């Protein structure tokens, strides 16, 4: 029989929508303010508000939580949505580093799931590189 922790979704284990919102806000704050992410920031629109609203919904469904983002964007995934952008190894690495910092700074209680999320998102970002 599975324990409660084993049965909980990654969404529940990471801390739900509040933690995903903290991760997203920290991610975009870092990207907007840290010169280490200059190339990554340059790929984004001047107004990050739409992305700040979209990313937590994607992460929610991706982690096994509410799937409103996927229902509102049928047939879309991060790979297909980013295909038009010239993502390089450099910008993919910046994205992965920025997200790793955001997850660490949001300090989810469950470090195991936070580390797993960091790893999977980094691999996904780096898999989008065109060069």
C-alpha atoms as a PDB file:
ATOM      1  CA  UNK A   1       0.000   0.000   0.000  1.00  0.00           C
ATOM      2  CA  UNK A   2       1.338   3.443  -0.949  1.00  0.00           C
ATOM      3  CA  UNK A   3       2.079   5.915   1.790  1.00  0.00           C
ATOM      4  CA  UNK A   4       0.423   9.322   1.696  1.00  0.00           C
ATOM      5  CA  UNK A   5       3.678  10.952   0.522  1.00  0.00           C
ATOM      6  CA  UNK A   6       4.018   8.414  -2.311  1.00  0.00           C
ATOM      7  CA  UNK A   7       0.410   8.985  -3.402  1.00  0.00           C
ATOM      8  CA  UNK A   8       0.651  12.776  -3.381  1.00  0.00           C
ATOM      9  CA  UNK A   9       1.204  14.449  -6.746  1.00  0.00           C
ATOM     10  CA  UNK A  10       4.338  16.513  -7.379  1.00  0.00           C
ATOM     11  CA  UNK A  11       1.986  19.538  -7.292  1.00  0.00           C
ATOM     12  CA  UNK A  12       0.983  18.687  -3.727  1.00  0.00           C
ATOM     13  CA  UNK A  13       4.518  17.763  -2.722  1.00  0.00           C
ATOM     14  CA  UNK A  14       5.995  21.056  -4.017  1.00  0.00           C
ATOM     15  CA  UNK A  15       3.417  23.053  -2.044  1.00  0.00           C
ATOM     16  CA  UNK A  16       0.671  23.768  -4.580  1.00  0.00           C
ATOM     17  CA  UNK A  17      -0.214  27.003  -6.310  1.00  0.00           C
ATOM     18  CA  UNK A  18       1.252  29.326  -3.672  1.00  0.00           C
ATOM     19  CA  UNK A  19       4.732  27.842  -4.036  1.00  0.00           C
ATOM     20  CA  UNK A  20       4.479  27.714  -7.832  1.00  0.00           C
ATOM     21  CA  UNK A  21       3.523  31.396  -7.804  1.00  0.00           C
ATOM     22  CA  UNK A  22       6.523  32.208  -5.563  1.00  0.00           C
ATOM     23  CA  UNK A  23       8.825  30.276  -7.911  1.00  0.00           C
ATOM     24  CA  UNK A  24       7.422  32.085 -10.954  1.00  0.00           C
ATOM     25  CA  UNK A  25       7.652  35.538  -9.410  1.00  0.00           C
ATOM     26  CA  UNK A  26      11.194  34.923  -8.224  1.00  0.00           C
ATOM     27  CA  UNK A  27      12.168  33.545 -11.658  1.00  0.00           C
ATOM     28  CA  UNK A  28      10.951  36.637 -13.500  1.00  0.00           C
ATOM     29  CA  UNK A  29      12.371  38.986 -10.843  1.00  0.00           C
ATOM     30  CA  UNK A  30      15.797  37.389 -11.279  1.00  0.00           C
ATOM     31  CA  UNK A  31      15.570  37.378 -15.052  1.00  0.00           C
ATOM     32  CA  UNK A  32      14.579  41.041 -15.042  1.00  0.00           C
ATOM     33  CA  UNK A  33      17.260  42.229 -12.620  1.00  0.00           C
ATOM     34  CA  UNK A  34      20.334  39.984 -12.768  1.00  0.00           C
ATOM     35  CA  UNK A  35      22.791  40.786 -15.585  1.00  0.00           C
ATOM     36  CA  UNK A  36      23.690  37.081 -15.706  1.00  0.00           C
ATOM     37  CA  UNK A  37      20.388  36.573 -17.550  1.00  0.00           C
ATOM     38  CA  UNK A  38      20.743  39.457 -20.014  1.00  0.00           C
ATOM     39  CA  UNK A  39      20.527  37.297 -23.163  1.00  0.00           C
ATOM     40  CA  UNK A  40      17.544  35.406 -21.773  1.00  0.00           C
ATOM     41  CA  UNK A  41      15.771  38.629 -20.805  1.00  0.00           C
ATOM     42  CA  UNK A  42      16.346  40.063 -24.270  1.00  0.00           C
ATOM     43  CA  UNK A  43      14.315  37.186 -25.759  1.00  0.00           C
ATOM     44  CA  UNK A  44      11.223  38.219 -23.791  1.00  0.00           C
ATOM     45  CA  UNK A  45       8.735  41.013 -24.262  1.00  0.00           C
ATOM     46  CA  UNK A  46       9.229  44.211 -22.283  1.00  0.00           C
ATOM     47  CA  UNK A  47       6.133  43.399 -20.225  1.00  0.00           C
ATOM     48  CA  UNK A  48       6.605  40.153 -18.318  1.00  0.00           C
ATOM     49  CA  UNK A  49       3.127  40.280 -16.753  1.00  0.00           C
ATOM     50  CA  UNK A  50       1.520  37.852 -19.230  1.00  0.00           C
ATOM     51  CA  UNK A  51       4.292  35.314 -18.619  1.00  0.00           C
ATOM     52  CA  UNK A  52       4.014  35.773 -14.859  1.00  0.00           C
ATOM     53  CA  UNK A  53       0.346  34.853 -15.194  1.00  0.00           C
ATOM     54  CA  UNK A  54       0.864  31.940 -17.581  1.00  0.00           C
ATOM     55  CA  UNK A  55       3.805  30.028 -16.104  1.00  0.00           C
ATOM     56  CA  UNK A  56       2.241  29.075 -12.746  1.00  0.00           C
ATOM     57  CA  UNK A  57      -0.744  27.596 -14.584  1.00  0.00           C
ATOM     58  CA  UNK A  58       1.510  25.560 -16.848  1.00  0.00           C
ATOM     59  CA  UNK A  59       3.581  24.365 -13.888  1.00  0.00           C
ATOM     60  CA  UNK A  60       0.430  23.475 -11.986  1.00  0.00           C
ATOM     61  CA  UNK A  61      -0.878  21.123 -14.656  1.00  0.00           C
ATOM     62  CA  UNK A  62       2.587  19.820 -15.476  1.00  0.00           C
ATOM     63  CA  UNK A  63       3.056  18.872 -11.803  1.00  0.00           C
ATOM     64  CA  UNK A  64      -0.278  17.054 -11.570  1.00  0.00           C
ATOM     65  CA  UNK A  65      -2.379  19.889 -10.180  1.00  0.00           C
ATOM     66  CA  UNK A  66      -5.232  21.840 -11.765  1.00  0.00           C
ATOM     67  CA  UNK A  67      -5.011  21.676 -15.560  1.00  0.00           C
ATOM     68  CA  UNK A  68      -6.684  24.957 -16.587  1.00  0.00           C
ATOM     69  CA  UNK A  69      -3.611  26.054 -18.561  1.00  0.00           C
ATOM     70  CA  UNK A  70      -3.723  22.891 -20.661  1.00  0.00           C
ATOM     71  CA  UNK A  71      -7.486  23.184 -21.141  1.00  0.00           C
ATOM     72  CA  UNK A  72      -7.067  26.792 -22.313  1.00  0.00           C
ATOM     73  CA  UNK A  73      -4.161  25.825 -24.603  1.00  0.00           C
ATOM     74  CA  UNK A  74      -5.167  22.485 -26.142  1.00  0.00           C
ATOM     75  CA  UNK A  75      -2.407  20.661 -27.971  1.00  0.00           C
ATOM     76  CA  UNK A  76       0.295  23.063 -26.763  1.00  0.00           C
ATOM     77  CA  UNK A  77       3.363  22.272 -24.741  1.00  0.00           C
ATOM     78  CA  UNK A  78       6.482  24.185 -23.788  1.00  0.00           C
ATOM     79  CA  UNK A  79       8.448  22.722 -26.696  1.00  0.00           C
ATOM     80  CA  UNK A  80       5.897  23.747 -29.329  1.00  0.00           C
ATOM     81  CA  UNK A  81       5.342  27.177 -27.811  1.00  0.00           C
ATOM     82  CA  UNK A  82       9.067  27.964 -27.808  1.00  0.00           C
ATOM     83  CA  UNK A  83       9.867  26.550 -31.248  1.00  0.00           C
ATOM     84  CA  UNK A  84       9.792  29.990 -32.975  1.00  0.00           C
ATOM     85  CA  UNK A  85      12.459  31.398 -30.629  1.00  0.00           C
ATOM     86  CA  UNK A  86      16.204  31.174 -31.319  1.00  0.00           C
ATOM     87  CA  UNK A  87      17.067  29.322 -28.119  1.00  0.00           C
ATOM     88  CA  UNK A  88      20.787  28.686 -27.811  1.00  0.00           C
ATOM     89  CA  UNK A  89      22.707  26.584 -25.317  1.00  0.00           C
ATOM     90  CA  UNK A  90      23.627  29.868 -23.631  1.00  0.00           C
ATOM     91  CA  UNK A  91      20.035  31.084 -23.188  1.00  0.00           C
ATOM     92  CA  UNK A  92      18.804  27.597 -22.267  1.00  0.00           C
ATOM     93  CA  UNK A  93      21.511  27.454 -19.610  1.00  0.00           C
ATOM     94  CA  UNK A  94      20.524  30.890 -18.349  1.00  0.00           C
ATOM     95  CA  UNK A  95      16.895  29.766 -18.129  1.00  0.00           C
ATOM     96  CA  UNK A  96      17.851  26.587 -16.257  1.00  0.00           C
ATOM     97  CA  UNK A  97      20.101  28.485 -13.839  1.00  0.00           C
ATOM     98  CA  UNK A  98      17.506  31.191 -13.233  1.00  0.00           C
ATOM     99  CA  UNK A  99      14.804  28.580 -12.572  1.00  0.00           C
ATOM    100  CA  UNK A 100      17.105  26.615 -10.233  1.00  0.00           C
ATOM    101  CA  UNK A 101      17.735  29.779  -8.228  1.00  0.00           C
ATOM    102  CA  UNK A 102      14.026  30.631  -8.186  1.00  0.00           C
ATOM    103  CA  UNK A 103      13.084  27.183  -6.901  1.00  0.00           C
ATOM    104  CA  UNK A 104      15.804  27.309  -4.232  1.00  0.00           C
ATOM    105  CA  UNK A 105      14.787  30.828  -3.185  1.00  0.00           C
ATOM    106  CA  UNK A 106      11.104  29.844  -2.967  1.00  0.00           C
ATOM    107  CA  UNK A 107      12.269  27.209  -0.471  1.00  0.00           C
ATOM    108  CA  UNK A 108       9.683  24.461  -0.920  1.00  0.00           C
ATOM    109  CA  UNK A 109       9.465  22.295   2.193  1.00  0.00           C
ATOM    110  CA  UNK A 110      10.010  19.097   0.207  1.00  0.00           C
ATOM    111  CA  UNK A 111      13.597  19.379  -1.073  1.00  0.00           C
ATOM    112  CA  UNK A 112      13.429  16.033  -2.868  1.00  0.00           C
ATOM    113  CA  UNK A 113      10.624  17.169  -5.177  1.00  0.00           C
ATOM    114  CA  UNK A 114      12.171  20.643  -5.524  1.00  0.00           C
ATOM    115  CA  UNK A 115      15.460  19.096  -6.651  1.00  0.00           C
ATOM    116  CA  UNK A 116      13.641  16.760  -9.053  1.00  0.00           C
ATOM    117  CA  UNK A 117      11.671  19.671 -10.505  1.00  0.00           C
ATOM    118  CA  UNK A 118      14.877  21.675 -10.930  1.00  0.00           C
ATOM    119  CA  UNK A 119      16.530  18.770 -12.743  1.00  0.00           C
ATOM    120  CA  UNK A 120      13.642  18.005 -15.094  1.00  0.00           C
ATOM    121  CA  UNK A 121      13.028  21.656 -15.991  1.00  0.00           C
ATOM    122  CA  UNK A 122      16.744  22.159 -16.685  1.00  0.00           C
ATOM    123  CA  UNK A 123      16.790  19.157 -19.006  1.00  0.00           C
ATOM    124  CA  UNK A 124      13.665  20.418 -20.769  1.00  0.00           C
ATOM    125  CA  UNK A 125      15.164  23.890 -21.243  1.00  0.00           C
ATOM    126  CA  UNK A 126      18.463  22.539 -22.519  1.00  0.00           C
ATOM    127  CA  UNK A 127      16.565  20.221 -24.873  1.00  0.00           C
ATOM    128  CA  UNK A 128      15.126  23.294 -26.630  1.00  0.00           C
ATOM    129  CA  UNK A 129      18.556  24.628 -27.659  1.00  0.00           C
ATOM    130  CA  UNK A 130      18.960  24.894 -31.410  1.00  0.00           C
ATOM    131  CA  UNK A 131      22.748  25.103 -31.542  1.00  0.00           C
END
